[in-house]
Amino acid sequence: MKWKDLPEPDRWDWPEHARHPIKSLIRAVETDGSPVGSGLDGRWAVEMVAAVYASQRTKARVSFRLKDRGNPLLRF
């Protein structure tokens, strides 16, 4: 398979509320939304890192949601 370049986005600018974490949080509260970099985003980031370790330990692919949700570093 040959490498394909990703298309350039139409716009590079972020809205004002997304440029600052406190402004993002305030807007999320006001609009009943979620801030940039929410707790859910953090949870997924931790799970993806844990999946790398779990995959290395088992020498196999792992699927999300991880079945073993413990600390993968304690199992090496």
Protein backbone atom coordinates (compact mmCIF):
# COMPACT_ATOMS: atom_id res chain seq x y z
CA MET A 1 0.00 0.00 0.00
CA LYS A 2 1.40 3.36 -0.98
CA TRP A 3 1.56 6.24 1.51
CA LYS A 4 -1.07 8.93 1.00
CA ASP A 5 -0.75 12.45 2.35
CA LEU A 6 -3.54 13.66 4.60
CA PRO A 7 -5.63 16.51 3.22
CA GLU A 8 -5.05 19.97 4.65
CA PRO A 9 -7.85 21.22 6.89
CA ASP A 10 -9.98 24.10 5.63
CA ARG A 11 -9.32 26.10 8.79
CA TRP A 12 -6.44 26.01 11.28
CA ASP A 13 -7.90 28.37 13.83
CA TRP A 14 -9.61 27.25 17.03
CA PRO A 15 -12.56 29.05 18.56
CA GLU A 16 -11.65 31.42 21.40
CA HIS A 17 -13.09 29.18 24.11
CA ALA A 18 -10.93 26.23 23.03
CA ARG A 19 -7.65 28.14 23.38
CA HIS A 20 -7.73 28.37 27.15
CA PRO A 21 -8.68 25.55 29.55
CA ILE A 22 -10.67 27.74 31.95
CA LYS A 23 -12.63 29.38 29.12
CA SER A 24 -13.29 25.92 27.73
CA LEU A 25 -14.57 24.70 31.09
CA ILE A 26 -16.80 27.76 31.54
CA ARG A 27 -18.30 27.31 28.07
CA ALA A 28 -18.87 23.61 28.76
CA VAL A 29 -20.80 24.44 31.92
CA GLU A 30 -22.82 27.17 30.17
CA THR A 31 -23.71 25.01 27.16
CA ASP A 32 -24.00 21.67 28.98
CA GLY A 33 -21.20 20.33 26.81
CA SER A 34 -17.73 18.99 27.48
CA PRO A 35 -14.49 20.95 27.67
CA VAL A 36 -11.48 20.45 25.42
CA GLY A 37 -9.51 17.66 27.06
CA SER A 38 -12.32 16.28 29.20
CA GLY A 39 -12.01 13.52 31.75
CA LEU A 40 -13.41 11.11 29.19
CA ASP A 41 -10.61 12.06 26.79
CA GLY A 42 -8.10 11.46 29.58
CA ARG A 43 -9.58 8.06 30.36
CA TRP A 44 -9.27 6.98 26.73
CA ALA A 45 -5.68 8.23 26.57
CA VAL A 46 -4.73 6.17 29.64
CA GLU A 47 -6.50 3.12 28.23
CA MET A 48 -4.63 3.42 24.92
CA VAL A 49 -1.28 3.57 26.71
CA ALA A 50 -2.25 0.61 28.91
CA ALA A 51 -3.21 -1.30 25.74
CA VAL A 52 0.31 -0.90 24.39
CA TYR A 53 1.72 -2.59 27.49
CA ALA A 54 -1.00 -5.25 27.53
CA SER A 55 -0.33 -6.09 23.90
CA GLN A 56 3.40 -6.35 24.49
CA ARG A 57 2.90 -8.57 27.53
CA THR A 58 0.52 -10.97 25.76
CA LYS A 59 2.26 -10.73 22.36
CA ALA A 60 -1.18 -10.32 20.78
CA ARG A 61 -3.65 -7.68 19.73
CA VAL A 62 -5.92 -6.33 22.39
CA SER A 63 -9.34 -4.83 21.90
CA PHE A 64 -10.96 -1.87 23.58
CA ARG A 65 -12.50 -1.75 26.25
CA LEU A 66 -9.64 -3.63 27.93
CA LYS A 67 -10.83 -6.73 29.76
CA ASP A 68 -8.03 -6.51 32.34
CA ARG A 69 -8.34 -2.98 33.71
CA GLY A 70 -5.55 -3.27 36.27
CA ASN A 71 -2.10 -1.71 36.09
CA PRO A 72 -0.35 -3.49 33.16
CA LEU A 73 3.09 -2.65 34.55
CA LEU A 74 2.50 -4.83 37.60
CA ARG A 75 2.11 -7.91 35.39
CA PHE A 76 5.52 -7.87 33.67
